PDB file of N, CA and C in Angstrom:
ATOM      1  N   MET A   1     -25.470  -6.285   0.218  1.00  0.00           N
ATOM      2  CA  MET A   1     -23.882  -6.834   0.202  1.00  0.00           C
ATOM      3  C   MET A   1     -23.199  -5.916   0.871  1.00  0.00           C
ATOM      4  N   GLU A   2     -22.436  -6.402   1.890  1.00  0.00           N
ATOM      5  CA  GLU A   2     -21.309  -5.953   2.572  1.00  0.00           C
ATOM      6  C   GLU A   2     -20.207  -5.469   1.970  1.00  0.00           C
ATOM      7  N   GLN A   3     -19.690  -4.134   2.207  1.00  0.00           N
ATOM      8  CA  GLN A   3     -18.534  -3.572   1.589  1.00  0.00           C
ATOM      9  C   GLN A   3     -17.328  -4.322   2.356  1.00  0.00           C
ATOM     10  N   ILE A   4     -16.269  -4.583   1.590  1.00  0.00           N
ATOM     11  CA  ILE A   4     -14.973  -5.038   2.004  1.00  0.00           C
ATOM     12  C   ILE A   4     -14.271  -3.987   2.419  1.00  0.00           C
ATOM     13  N   ARG A   5     -13.585  -4.014   3.624  1.00  0.00           N
ATOM     14  CA  ARG A   5     -12.839  -3.079   4.252  1.00  0.00           C
ATOM     15  C   ARG A   5     -11.421  -3.444   4.217  1.00  0.00           C
ATOM     16  N   ILE A   6     -10.624  -2.508   3.539  1.00  0.00           N
ATOM     17  CA  ILE A   6      -9.468  -2.594   3.088  1.00  0.00           C
ATOM     18  C   ILE A   6      -8.343  -1.618   4.152  1.00  0.00           C
ATOM     19  N   SER A   7      -7.432  -2.125   4.929  1.00  0.00           N
ATOM     20  CA  SER A   7      -6.730  -1.393   5.685  1.00  0.00           C
ATOM     21  C   SER A   7      -5.731  -0.445   4.692  1.00  0.00           C
ATOM     22  N   GLU A   8      -5.586   0.828   5.020  1.00  0.00           N
ATOM     23  CA  GLU A   8      -4.840   1.708   4.307  1.00  0.00           C
ATOM     24  C   GLU A   8      -3.266   1.220   4.406  1.00  0.00           C
ATOM     25  N   ARG A   9      -3.002   0.826   5.540  1.00  0.00           N
ATOM     26  CA  ARG A   9      -1.551   0.492   5.741  1.00  0.00           C
ATOM     27  C   ARG A   9      -1.192  -0.839   4.977  1.00  0.00           C
ATOM     28  N   LYS A  10      -2.035  -1.901   5.090  1.00  0.00           N
ATOM     29  CA  LYS A  10      -1.928  -3.024   4.271  1.00  0.00           C
ATOM     30  C   LYS A  10      -1.863  -2.597   2.711  1.00  0.00           C
ATOM     31  N   LEU A  11      -2.598  -1.875   2.205  1.00  0.00           N
ATOM     32  CA  LEU A  11      -2.451  -1.493   1.041  1.00  0.00           C
ATOM     33  C   LEU A  11      -1.244  -0.633   0.484  1.00  0.00           C
ATOM     34  N   ILE A  12      -0.601   0.084   1.079  1.00  0.00           N
ATOM     35  CA  ILE A  12       0.537   0.716   0.933  1.00  0.00           C
ATOM     36  C   ILE A  12       1.740  -0.339   0.963  1.00  0.00           C
ATOM     37  N   LEU A  13       1.520  -1.172   1.861  1.00  0.00           N
ATOM     38  CA  LEU A  13       2.476  -2.331   2.219  1.00  0.00           C
ATOM     39  C   LEU A  13       2.388  -3.382   0.857  1.00  0.00           C
ATOM     40  N   PHE A  14       1.234  -3.696   0.410  1.00  0.00           N
ATOM     41  CA  PHE A  14       1.014  -4.381  -0.814  1.00  0.00           C
ATOM     42  C   PHE A  14       1.686  -3.497  -2.064  1.00  0.00           C
ATOM     43  N   THR A  15       1.585  -2.281  -1.988  1.00  0.00           N
ATOM     44  CA  THR A  15       2.064  -1.643  -3.221  1.00  0.00           C
ATOM     45  C   THR A  15       3.548  -1.557  -3.145  1.00  0.00           C
ATOM     46  N   VAL A  16       4.292  -1.517  -1.945  1.00  0.00           N
ATOM     47  CA  VAL A  16       5.628  -1.672  -1.773  1.00  0.00           C
ATOM     48  C   VAL A  16       6.245  -3.116  -2.244  1.00  0.00           C
ATOM     49  N   GLY A  17       5.403  -4.234  -1.954  1.00  0.00           N
ATOM     50  CA  GLY A  17       5.659  -5.646  -2.466  1.00  0.00           C
ATOM     51  C   GLY A  17       5.639  -5.560  -3.875  1.00  0.00           C
ATOM     52  N   LEU A  18       4.588  -4.893  -4.652  1.00  0.00           N
ATOM     53  CA  LEU A  18       4.550  -4.967  -6.096  1.00  0.00           C
ATOM     54  C   LEU A  18       5.645  -4.132  -6.672  1.00  0.00           C
ATOM     55  N   LEU A  19       6.309  -3.033  -5.774  1.00  0.00           N
ATOM     56  CA  LEU A  19       7.540  -2.431  -6.300  1.00  0.00           C
ATOM     57  C   LEU A  19       8.710  -3.192  -6.205  1.00  0.00           C
ATOM     58  N   ILE A  20       8.638  -3.889  -5.367  1.00  0.00           N
ATOM     59  CA  ILE A  20       9.883  -4.927  -5.094  1.00  0.00           C
ATOM     60  C   ILE A  20       9.904  -5.938  -6.182  1.00  0.00           C
ATOM     61  N   VAL A  21       8.833  -6.602  -6.572  1.00  0.00           N
ATOM     62  CA  VAL A  21       8.686  -7.406  -7.735  1.00  0.00           C
ATOM     63  C   VAL A  21       8.930  -6.737  -9.164  1.00  0.00           C
ATOM     64  N   ALA A  22       8.530  -5.433  -9.181  1.00  0.00           N
ATOM     65  CA  ALA A  22       9.061  -4.616 -10.451  1.00  0.00           C
ATOM     66  C   ALA A  22      10.362  -4.503 -10.339  1.00  0.00           C
ATOM     67  N   GLY A  23      10.989  -4.329  -9.392  1.00  0.00           N
ATOM     68  CA  GLY A  23      12.689  -4.041  -9.318  1.00  0.00           C
ATOM     69  C   GLY A  23      13.169  -5.348  -9.703  1.00  0.00           C
ATOM     70  N   ILE A  24      12.775  -6.293  -9.203  1.00  0.00           N
ATOM     71  CA  ILE A  24      13.548  -7.710  -9.657  1.00  0.00           C
ATOM     72  C   ILE A  24      13.275  -7.654 -10.959  1.00  0.00           C
ATOM     73  N   VAL A  25      12.121  -7.782 -11.510  1.00  0.00           N
ATOM     74  CA  VAL A  25      11.970  -7.907 -13.056  1.00  0.00           C
ATOM     75  C   VAL A  25      12.520  -7.020 -13.777  1.00  0.00           C
ATOM     76  N   ARG A  26      12.992  -5.785 -13.402  1.00  0.00           N
ATOM     77  CA  ARG A  26      13.570  -4.859 -13.934  1.00  0.00           C
ATOM     78  C   ARG A  26      14.909  -4.881 -14.348  1.00  0.00           C
ATOM     79  N   LEU A  27      15.570  -6.097 -13.380  1.00  0.00           N
ATOM     80  CA  LEU A  27      17.029  -6.324 -13.563  1.00  0.00           C
ATOM     81  C   LEU A  27      17.226  -6.982 -14.582  1.00  0.00           C
ATOM     82  N   GLY A  28      16.241  -7.877 -15.144  1.00  0.00           N
ATOM     83  CA  GLY A  28      16.292  -8.784 -16.240  1.00  0.00           C
ATOM     84  C   GLY A  28      15.687  -8.119 -17.477  1.00  0.00           C
ATOM     85  N   PHE A  29      14.637  -7.368 -17.473  1.00  0.00           N
ATOM     86  CA  PHE A  29      14.029  -6.933 -18.393  1.00  0.00           C
ATOM     87  C   PHE A  29      13.598  -5.590 -18.387  1.00  0.00           C
ATOM     88  N   TYR A  30      14.226  -4.421 -18.578  1.00  0.00           N
ATOM     89  CA  TYR A  30      14.389  -3.238 -18.204  1.00  0.00           C
ATOM     90  C   TYR A  30      12.873  -2.665 -18.447  1.00  0.00           C
ATOM     91  N   LYS A  31      12.531  -2.533 -19.733  1.00  0.00           N
ATOM     92  CA  LYS A  31      11.221  -1.809 -20.085  1.00  0.00           C
ATOM     93  C   LYS A  31      10.169  -2.389 -19.587  1.00  0.00           C
ATOM     94  N   LEU A  32      10.116  -3.813 -19.475  1.00  0.00           N
ATOM     95  CA  LEU A  32       8.799  -4.439 -18.696  1.00  0.00           C
ATOM     96  C   LEU A  32       8.786  -4.192 -17.130  1.00  0.00           C
ATOM     97  N   GLY A  33       9.994  -4.077 -16.558  1.00  0.00           N
ATOM     98  CA  GLY A  33      10.104  -3.414 -15.249  1.00  0.00           C
ATOM     99  C   GLY A  33       9.638  -2.040 -15.143  1.00  0.00           C
ATOM    100  N   VAL A  34       9.978  -1.215 -15.924  1.00  0.00           N
ATOM    101  CA  VAL A  34       9.500   0.042 -15.913  1.00  0.00           C
ATOM    102  C   VAL A  34       7.941   0.141 -15.845  1.00  0.00           C
ATOM    103  N   TRP A  35       7.271  -0.467 -16.599  1.00  0.00           N
ATOM    104  CA  TRP A  35       6.033  -0.584 -16.742  1.00  0.00           C
ATOM    105  C   TRP A  35       5.290  -1.033 -15.609  1.00  0.00           C
ATOM    106  N   LEU A  36       5.984  -2.347 -14.981  1.00  0.00           N
ATOM    107  CA  LEU A  36       5.530  -2.707 -14.078  1.00  0.00           C
ATOM    108  C   LEU A  36       5.437  -2.055 -12.631  1.00  0.00           C
ATOM    109  N   PHE A  37       6.685  -1.043 -12.614  1.00  0.00           N
ATOM    110  CA  PHE A  37       6.950  -0.108 -11.578  1.00  0.00           C
ATOM    111  C   PHE A  37       5.644   0.892 -11.543  1.00  0.00           C
ATOM    112  N   TYR A  38       5.374   1.454 -12.561  1.00  0.00           N
ATOM    113  CA  TYR A  38       4.187   2.160 -12.757  1.00  0.00           C
ATOM    114  C   TYR A  38       2.811   1.522 -12.452  1.00  0.00           C
ATOM    115  N   LEU A  39       2.700   0.264 -13.069  1.00  0.00           N
ATOM    116  CA  LEU A  39       1.422  -0.365 -12.558  1.00  0.00           C
ATOM    117  C   LEU A  39       1.234  -0.718 -11.186  1.00  0.00           C
ATOM    118  N   ALA A  40       2.658  -0.702 -10.386  1.00  0.00           N
ATOM    119  CA  ALA A  40       2.479  -1.317  -9.206  1.00  0.00           C
ATOM    120  C   ALA A  40       1.528  -0.142  -8.054  1.00  0.00           C
ATOM    121  N   PHE A  41       1.449   1.000  -8.795  1.00  0.00           N
ATOM    122  CA  PHE A  41       0.612   2.100  -7.959  1.00  0.00           C
ATOM    123  C   PHE A  41      -0.977   2.002  -8.385  1.00  0.00           C
ATOM    124  N   ALA A  42      -0.984   1.177  -9.273  1.00  0.00           N
ATOM    125  CA  ALA A  42      -2.510   1.346  -9.661  1.00  0.00           C
ATOM    126  C   ALA A  42      -3.437   1.022  -8.618  1.00  0.00           C
ATOM    127  N   PRO A  43      -3.320  -0.223  -7.812  1.00  0.00           N
ATOM    128  CA  PRO A  43      -4.221  -0.439  -6.657  1.00  0.00           C
ATOM    129  C   PRO A  43      -4.441   0.632  -5.665  1.00  0.00           C
ATOM    130  N   ILE A  44      -3.357   1.401  -5.162  1.00  0.00           N
ATOM    131  CA  ILE A  44      -3.590   2.453  -4.393  1.00  0.00           C
ATOM    132  C   ILE A  44      -4.367   3.678  -4.888  1.00  0.00           C
ATOM    133  N   VAL A  45      -3.794   3.860  -6.135  1.00  0.00           N
ATOM    134  CA  VAL A  45      -4.533   5.031  -6.863  1.00  0.00           C
ATOM    135  C   VAL A  45      -6.080   4.816  -7.215  1.00  0.00           C
ATOM    136  N   LEU A  46      -6.263   3.626  -7.682  1.00  0.00           N
ATOM    137  CA  LEU A  46      -7.836   3.449  -7.874  1.00  0.00           C
ATOM    138  C   LEU A  46      -8.713   3.337  -6.443  1.00  0.00           C
ATOM    139  N   TYR A  47      -7.990   2.945  -5.592  1.00  0.00           N
ATOM    140  CA  TYR A  47      -8.519   2.698  -4.085  1.00  0.00           C
ATOM    141  C   TYR A  47      -8.926   4.077  -3.591  1.00  0.00           C
ATOM    142  N   ARG A  48      -7.911   5.152  -3.748  1.00  0.00           N
ATOM    143  CA  ARG A  48      -7.970   6.223  -3.369  1.00  0.00           C
ATOM    144  C   ARG A  48      -9.204   7.195  -4.067  1.00  0.00           C
ATOM    145  N   LEU A  49      -8.962   7.109  -5.474  1.00  0.00           N
ATOM    146  CA  LEU A  49     -10.040   7.708  -6.233  1.00  0.00           C
ATOM    147  C   LEU A  49     -11.192   7.255  -5.871  1.00  0.00           C
ATOM    148  N   ARG A  50     -11.599   5.927  -5.779  1.00  0.00           N
ATOM    149  CA  ARG A  50     -13.037   5.467  -5.268  1.00  0.00           C
ATOM    150  C   ARG A  50     -13.357   6.085  -3.800  1.00  0.00           C
ATOM    151  N   PHE A  51     -12.474   6.079  -3.055  1.00  0.00           N
ATOM    152  CA  PHE A  51     -12.773   6.708  -1.710  1.00  0.00           C
ATOM    153  C   PHE A  51     -13.071   8.218  -1.654  1.00  0.00           C
ATOM    154  N   TYR A  52     -12.385   9.084  -2.597  1.00  0.00           N
ATOM    155  CA  TYR A  52     -12.691  10.431  -2.683  1.00  0.00           C
ATOM    156  C   TYR A  52     -13.846  10.638  -3.367  1.00  0.00           C
ATOM    157  N   ILE A  53     -14.082   9.954  -4.425  1.00  0.00           N
ATOM    158  CA  ILE A  53     -15.372  10.052  -5.174  1.00  0.00           C
ATOM    159  C   ILE A  53     -16.681   9.633  -4.310  1.00  0.00           C
ATOM    160  N   ARG A  54     -16.363   8.970  -3.340  1.00  0.00           N
ATOM    161  CA  ARG A  54     -17.654   8.623  -2.552  1.00  0.00           C
ATOM    162  C   ARG A  54     -17.795   9.278  -1.538  1.00  0.00           C
ATOM    163  N   ASN A  55     -16.640   9.866  -0.723  1.00  0.00           N
ATOM    164  CA  ASN A  55     -16.684  10.716   0.664  1.00  0.00           C
ATOM    165  C   ASN A  55     -16.192  11.893   0.201  1.00  0.00           C
ATOM    166  N   ASN A  56     -16.383  12.772  -0.877  1.00  0.00           N
ATOM    167  CA  ASN A  56     -15.933  14.006  -0.951  1.00  0.00           C
ATOM    168  C   ASN A  56     -16.412  14.867   0.034  1.00  0.00           C
ATOM    169  N   LYS A  57     -17.550  14.724   0.647  1.00  0.00           N
ATOM    170  CA  LYS A  57     -18.122  15.726   1.707  1.00  0.00           C
ATOM    171  C   LYS A  57     -17.629  15.467   3.011  1.00  0.00           C
ATOM    172  N   ASN A  58     -17.156  14.220   3.440  1.00  0.00           N
ATOM    173  CA  ASN A  58     -17.013  13.879   4.641  1.00  0.00           C
ATOM    174  C   ASN A  58     -15.670  13.788   4.932  1.00  0.00           C
ATOM    175  N   LEU A  59     -14.674  14.717   4.207  1.00  0.00           N
ATOM    176  CA  LEU A  59     -13.230  14.737   4.350  1.00  0.00           C
ATOM    177  C   LEU A  59     -12.806  15.382   5.423  1.00  0.00           C
ATOM    178  N   GLN A  60     -11.643  14.866   6.310  1.00  0.00           N
ATOM    179  CA  GLN A  60     -11.196  15.204   7.532  1.00  0.00           C
ATOM    180  C   GLN A  60      -9.657  15.978   6.990  1.00  0.00           C
ATOM    181  N   LYS A  61      -9.128  16.482   7.733  1.00  0.00           N
ATOM    182  CA  LYS A  61      -7.655  17.227   7.390  1.00  0.00           C
ATOM    183  C   LYS A  61      -6.788  16.158   6.852  1.00  0.00           C
ATOM    184  N   VAL A  62      -6.738  15.339   7.652  1.00  0.00           N
ATOM    185  CA  VAL A  62      -5.742  14.158   7.251  1.00  0.00           C
ATOM    186  C   VAL A  62      -6.197  13.633   5.675  1.00  0.00           C
ATOM    187  N   ASP A  63      -7.318  13.565   5.225  1.00  0.00           N
ATOM    188  CA  ASP A  63      -7.881  13.060   4.065  1.00  0.00           C
ATOM    189  C   ASP A  63      -7.549  13.915   3.068  1.00  0.00           C
ATOM    190  N   ARG A  64      -7.563  15.266   3.437  1.00  0.00           N
ATOM    191  CA  ARG A  64      -7.007  16.350   2.399  1.00  0.00           C
ATOM    192  C   ARG A  64      -5.526  16.516   2.216  1.00  0.00           C
ATOM    193  N   ASN A  65      -4.911  16.108   3.321  1.00  0.00           N
ATOM    194  CA  ASN A  65      -3.547  15.780   3.056  1.00  0.00           C
ATOM    195  C   ASN A  65      -2.898  14.749   2.103  1.00  0.00           C
ATOM    196  N   ARG A  66      -3.881  13.635   2.266  1.00  0.00           N
ATOM    197  CA  ARG A  66      -3.599  12.279   1.447  1.00  0.00           C
ATOM    198  C   ARG A  66      -4.184  12.817   0.033  1.00  0.00           C
ATOM    199  N   LEU A  67      -5.071  13.372  -0.392  1.00  0.00           N
ATOM    200  CA  LEU A  67      -5.592  13.915  -1.554  1.00  0.00           C
ATOM    201  C   LEU A  67      -4.451  14.680  -2.182  1.00  0.00           C
ATOM    202  N   TYR A  68      -3.564  15.491  -1.486  1.00  0.00           N
ATOM    203  CA  TYR A  68      -2.400  16.272  -2.099  1.00  0.00           C
ATOM    204  C   TYR A  68      -1.390  14.929  -2.533  1.00  0.00           C
ATOM    205  N   THR A  69      -1.181  14.188  -1.505  1.00  0.00           N
ATOM    206  CA  THR A  69      -0.106  13.079  -2.043  1.00  0.00           C
ATOM    207  C   THR A  69      -0.514  12.180  -3.130  1.00  0.00           C
ATOM    208  N   LEU A  70      -1.842  12.090  -3.211  1.00  0.00           N
ATOM    209  CA  LEU A  70      -2.400  11.325  -4.186  1.00  0.00           C
ATOM    210  C   LEU A  70      -2.274  12.042  -5.645  1.00  0.00           C
ATOM    211  N   GLY A  71      -2.645  13.208  -5.629  1.00  0.00           N
ATOM    212  CA  GLY A  71      -2.341  14.167  -6.736  1.00  0.00           C
ATOM    213  C   GLY A  71      -0.855  14.245  -7.273  1.00  0.00           C
ATOM    214  N   VAL A  72       0.019  14.330  -6.289  1.00  0.00           N
ATOM    215  CA  VAL A  72       1.318  14.273  -6.487  1.00  0.00           C
ATOM    216  C   VAL A  72       1.846  12.829  -7.268  1.00  0.00           C
ATOM    217  N   ILE A  73       1.381  11.599  -6.814  1.00  0.00           N
ATOM    218  CA  ILE A  73       1.467  10.516  -7.520  1.00  0.00           C
ATOM    219  C   ILE A  73       1.050  10.357  -8.906  1.00  0.00           C
ATOM    220  N   ILE A  74      -0.196  10.890  -8.928  1.00  0.00           N
ATOM    221  CA  ILE A  74      -0.747  11.017 -10.361  1.00  0.00           C
ATOM    222  C   ILE A  74      -0.072  11.797 -11.333  1.00  0.00           C
ATOM    223  N   ALA A  75       0.333  12.896 -10.856  1.00  0.00           N
ATOM    224  CA  ALA A  75       0.976  13.980 -11.596  1.00  0.00           C
ATOM    225  C   ALA A  75       2.378  13.557 -12.031  1.00  0.00           C
ATOM    226  N   THR A  76       3.071  12.910 -11.159  1.00  0.00           N
ATOM    227  CA  THR A  76       4.545  12.308 -11.353  1.00  0.00           C
ATOM    228  C   THR A  76       4.487  11.282 -12.450  1.00  0.00           C
ATOM    229  N   ILE A  77       3.534  10.132 -12.157  1.00  0.00           N
ATOM    230  CA  ILE A  77       3.376   9.118 -13.006  1.00  0.00           C
ATOM    231  C   ILE A  77       3.272   9.416 -14.699  1.00  0.00           C
ATOM    232  N   ILE A  78       2.453  10.560 -14.751  1.00  0.00           N
ATOM    233  CA  ILE A  78       1.937  11.128 -16.133  1.00  0.00           C
ATOM    234  C   ILE A  78       3.152  11.755 -16.519  1.00  0.00           C
ATOM    235  N   LEU A  79       3.981  12.688 -15.755  1.00  0.00           N
ATOM    236  CA  LEU A  79       4.876  13.198 -16.292  1.00  0.00           C
ATOM    237  C   LEU A  79       6.113  12.169 -16.695  1.00  0.00           C
ATOM    238  N   ASN A  80       6.345  11.284 -16.003  1.00  0.00           N
ATOM    239  CA  ASN A  80       7.171  10.146 -16.140  1.00  0.00           C
ATOM    240  C   ASN A  80       6.927   9.493 -17.494  1.00  0.00           C
ATOM    241  N   LEU A  81       5.674   9.069 -17.586  1.00  0.00           N
ATOM    242  CA  LEU A  81       5.298   8.214 -18.837  1.00  0.00           C
ATOM    243  C   LEU A  81       5.351   9.151 -20.127  1.00  0.00           C
ATOM    244  N   LEU A  82       4.992  10.525 -20.013  1.00  0.00           N
ATOM    245  CA  LEU A  82       5.206  11.583 -21.297  1.00  0.00           C
ATOM    246  C   LEU A  82       6.666  11.946 -21.439  1.00  0.00           C
ATOM    247  N   GLY A  83       7.604  11.587 -20.742  1.00  0.00           N
ATOM    248  CA  GLY A  83       9.026  11.674 -20.686  1.00  0.00           C
ATOM    249  C   GLY A  83       9.389  13.186 -20.313  1.00  0.00           C
ATOM    250  N   PHE A  84       8.615  13.822 -19.554  1.00  0.00           N
ATOM    251  CA  PHE A  84       9.196  15.165 -19.153  1.00  0.00           C
ATOM    252  C   PHE A  84      10.285  14.921 -18.025  1.00  0.00           C
ATOM    253  N   GLN A  85      10.157  13.760 -17.241  1.00  0.00           N
ATOM    254  CA  GLN A  85      11.049  13.710 -16.329  1.00  0.00           C
ATOM    255  C   GLN A  85      11.257  12.031 -16.021  1.00  0.00           C
ATOM    256  N   ASP A  86      12.375  11.644 -15.531  1.00  0.00           N
ATOM    257  CA  ASP A  86      12.792  10.120 -15.389  1.00  0.00           C
ATOM    258  C   ASP A  86      13.250  10.274 -14.012  1.00  0.00           C
ATOM    259  N   VAL A  87      12.201  10.361 -13.253  1.00  0.00           N
ATOM    260  CA  VAL A  87      12.528  10.248 -11.513  1.00  0.00           C
ATOM    261  C   VAL A  87      11.640   9.352 -11.009  1.00  0.00           C
ATOM    262  N   GLU A  88      12.030   8.265 -10.545  1.00  0.00           N
ATOM    263  CA  GLU A  88      11.109   7.113 -10.096  1.00  0.00           C
ATOM    264  C   GLU A  88      11.153   7.446  -8.452  1.00  0.00           C
ATOM    265  N   PHE A  89      12.326   8.057  -7.970  1.00  0.00           N
ATOM    266  CA  PHE A  89      12.673   8.209  -6.635  1.00  0.00           C
ATOM    267  C   PHE A  89      11.490   9.071  -5.982  1.00  0.00           C
ATOM    268  N   VAL A  90      10.960  10.128  -6.610  1.00  0.00           N
ATOM    269  CA  VAL A  90       9.941  10.835  -6.276  1.00  0.00           C
ATOM    270  C   VAL A  90       8.425  10.263  -5.814  1.00  0.00           C
ATOM    271  N   LEU A  91       8.215   9.271  -6.711  1.00  0.00           N
ATOM    272  CA  LEU A  91       7.101   8.357  -6.417  1.00  0.00           C
ATOM    273  C   LEU A  91       7.393   7.587  -5.203  1.00  0.00           C
ATOM    274  N   LEU A  92       8.582   7.031  -4.725  1.00  0.00           N
ATOM    275  CA  LEU A  92       8.950   6.291  -3.696  1.00  0.00           C
ATOM    276  C   LEU A  92       8.637   7.153  -2.544  1.00  0.00           C
ATOM    277  N   PHE A  93       9.325   8.373  -2.570  1.00  0.00           N
ATOM    278  CA  PHE A  93       9.267   9.628  -1.473  1.00  0.00           C
ATOM    279  C   PHE A  93       8.018   9.808  -1.124  1.00  0.00           C
ATOM    280  N   VAL A  94       7.031   9.971  -2.061  1.00  0.00           N
ATOM    281  CA  VAL A  94       5.671  10.436  -1.596  1.00  0.00           C
ATOM    282  C   VAL A  94       5.039   9.329  -1.150  1.00  0.00           C
ATOM    283  N   LEU A  95       5.116   8.067  -1.713  1.00  0.00           N
ATOM    284  CA  LEU A  95       4.645   6.774  -0.983  1.00  0.00           C
ATOM    285  C   LEU A  95       5.104   6.808   0.392  1.00  0.00           C
ATOM    286  N   ALA A  96       6.300   6.933   0.812  1.00  0.00           N
ATOM    287  CA  ALA A  96       6.807   6.962   2.206  1.00  0.00           C
ATOM    288  C   ALA A  96       6.115   8.158   2.839  1.00  0.00           C
ATOM    289  N   VAL A  97       6.026   9.288   2.492  1.00  0.00           N
ATOM    290  CA  VAL A  97       5.081  10.336   3.142  1.00  0.00           C
ATOM    291  C   VAL A  97       3.749   9.823   3.556  1.00  0.00           C
ATOM    292  N   ASP A  98       2.905   9.242   2.596  1.00  0.00           N
ATOM    293  CA  ASP A  98       1.677   8.847   2.462  1.00  0.00           C
ATOM    294  C   ASP A  98       1.725   7.755   3.581  1.00  0.00           C
ATOM    295  N   TYR A  99       2.628   6.896   3.677  1.00  0.00           N
ATOM    296  CA  TYR A  99       2.781   5.952   4.953  1.00  0.00           C
ATOM    297  C   TYR A  99       2.939   6.702   6.237  1.00  0.00           C
ATOM    298  N   LEU A 100       3.562   7.569   6.429  1.00  0.00           N
ATOM    299  CA  LEU A 100       3.725   8.357   7.603  1.00  0.00           C
ATOM    300  C   LEU A 100       2.503   8.667   8.048  1.00  0.00           C
ATOM    301  N   ILE A 101       2.080   9.422   6.989  1.00  0.00           N
ATOM    302  CA  ILE A 101       0.686  10.024   7.211  1.00  0.00           C
ATOM    303  C   ILE A 101      -0.256   9.191   7.994  1.00  0.00           C
ATOM    304  N   VAL A 102      -0.503   7.975   7.191  1.00  0.00           N
ATOM    305  CA  VAL A 102      -1.576   6.891   7.701  1.00  0.00           C
ATOM    306  C   VAL A 102      -1.115   6.339   8.962  1.00  0.00           C
ATOM    307  N   VAL A 103       0.300   6.119   9.333  1.00  0.00           N
ATOM    308  CA  VAL A 103       0.693   5.409  10.339  1.00  0.00           C
ATOM    309  C   VAL A 103       0.405   6.404  11.727  1.00  0.00           C
ATOM    310  N   GLN A 104       0.706   7.776  11.494  1.00  0.00           N
ATOM    311  CA  GLN A 104       0.627   8.862  12.500  1.00  0.00           C
ATOM    312  C   GLN A 104      -0.542   9.047  13.018  1.00  0.00           C
ATOM    313  N   ASN A 105      -1.784   8.967  12.081  1.00  0.00           N
ATOM    314  CA  ASN A 105      -3.070   9.122  12.544  1.00  0.00           C
ATOM    315  C   ASN A 105      -3.798   7.672  12.576  1.00  0.00           C
ATOM    316  N   PRO A 106      -4.023   7.442  13.713  1.00  0.00           N
ATOM    317  CA  PRO A 106      -4.666   6.264  14.124  1.00  0.00           C
ATOM    318  C   PRO A 106      -6.061   6.341  13.589  1.00  0.00           C
ATOM    319  N   LYS A 107      -6.776   7.567  13.566  1.00  0.00           N
ATOM    320  CA  LYS A 107      -7.969   7.393  12.918  1.00  0.00           C
ATOM    321  C   LYS A 107      -8.301   7.418  11.490  1.00  0.00           C
ATOM    322  N   THR A 108      -7.061   7.246  10.921  1.00  0.00           N
ATOM    323  CA  THR A 108      -7.280   7.163   9.507  1.00  0.00           C
ATOM    324  C   THR A 108      -7.884   5.790   8.839  1.00  0.00           C
ATOM    325  N   VAL A 109      -9.072   5.994   8.494  1.00  0.00           N
ATOM    326  CA  VAL A 109      -9.758   4.928   8.052  1.00  0.00           C
ATOM    327  C   VAL A 109     -10.658   5.403   6.875  1.00  0.00           C
ATOM    328  N   SER A 110     -11.123   4.756   6.196  1.00  0.00           N
ATOM    329  CA  SER A 110     -11.857   4.939   4.950  1.00  0.00           C
ATOM    330  C   SER A 110     -13.286   4.385   4.820  1.00  0.00           C
ATOM    331  N   GLY A 111     -13.998   4.535   4.280  1.00  0.00           N
ATOM    332  CA  GLY A 111     -15.345   4.240   3.701  1.00  0.00           C
ATOM    333  C   GLY A 111     -16.311   3.881   4.762  1.00  0.00           C
ATOM    334  N   GLU A 112     -16.599   2.568   4.978  1.00  0.00           N
ATOM    335  CA  GLU A 112     -17.509   2.100   5.822  1.00  0.00           C
ATOM    336  C   GLU A 112     -16.964   2.203   7.508  1.00  0.00           C
ATOM    337  N   GLU A 113     -15.775   2.087   7.382  1.00  0.00           N
ATOM    338  CA  GLU A 113     -15.098   2.359   8.942  1.00  0.00           C
ATOM    339  C   GLU A 113     -15.308   3.601   9.253  1.00  0.00           C
ATOM    340  N   SER A 114     -15.146   4.726   8.591  1.00  0.00           N
ATOM    341  CA  SER A 114     -15.354   5.916   9.041  1.00  0.00           C
ATOM    342  C   SER A 114     -16.845   6.335   9.612  1.00  0.00           C
ATOM    343  N   ARG A 115     -17.677   5.782   8.947  1.00  0.00           N
ATOM    344  CA  ARG A 115     -18.932   5.813   9.093  1.00  0.00           C
ATOM    345  C   ARG A 115     -19.490   5.110  10.725  1.00  0.00           C
ATOM    346  N   ASN A 116     -18.793   4.220  10.833  1.00  0.00           N
ATOM    347  CA  ASN A 116     -19.129   3.284  12.272  1.00  0.00           C
ATOM    348  C   ASN A 116     -18.377   3.883  13.056  1.00  0.00           C
ATOM    349  N   LEU A 117     -17.419   4.508  13.045  1.00  0.00           N
ATOM    350  CA  LEU A 117     -16.751   5.377  14.141  1.00  0.00           C
ATOM    351  C   LEU A 117     -17.310   6.413  14.537  1.00  0.00           C
ATOM    352  N   GLN A 118     -18.042   7.210  13.524  1.00  0.00           N
ATOM    353  CA  GLN A 118     -19.075   8.294  13.756  1.00  0.00           C
ATOM    354  C   GLN A 118     -20.184   8.147  14.386  1.00  0.00           C
ATOM    355  N   ALA A 119     -20.786   6.885  14.329  1.00  0.00           N
ATOM    356  CA  ALA A 119     -21.867   6.287  14.893  1.00  0.00           C
ATOM    357  C   ALA A 119     -21.950   6.221  16.269  1.00  0.00           C
TER     358      ALA A 119
END
């Protein structure tokens, strides 16, 4: 079975689209909008966790930097849900930094694509 290739840039843009929808919902239903805001990060977090579990030995410097941004995203979501902080802007800022890391490095690929480039 062939693996499905997902573009990192498109995944981040999909997350931004979900954040926009969550913001619109938040205008009418605040609590539901807040939960949708945090759930909007689920695709990118799950995809990255899967990538780092499968490729923990073949990480480049850019992958390590993106691992730090993933850690900040997860920590911020947990702290927000536990009530220790109430700052959604940090999540948006870290997502923007992650997007810049992806765009600045044209060799940022994941999974099967990185194996094809090395061969």
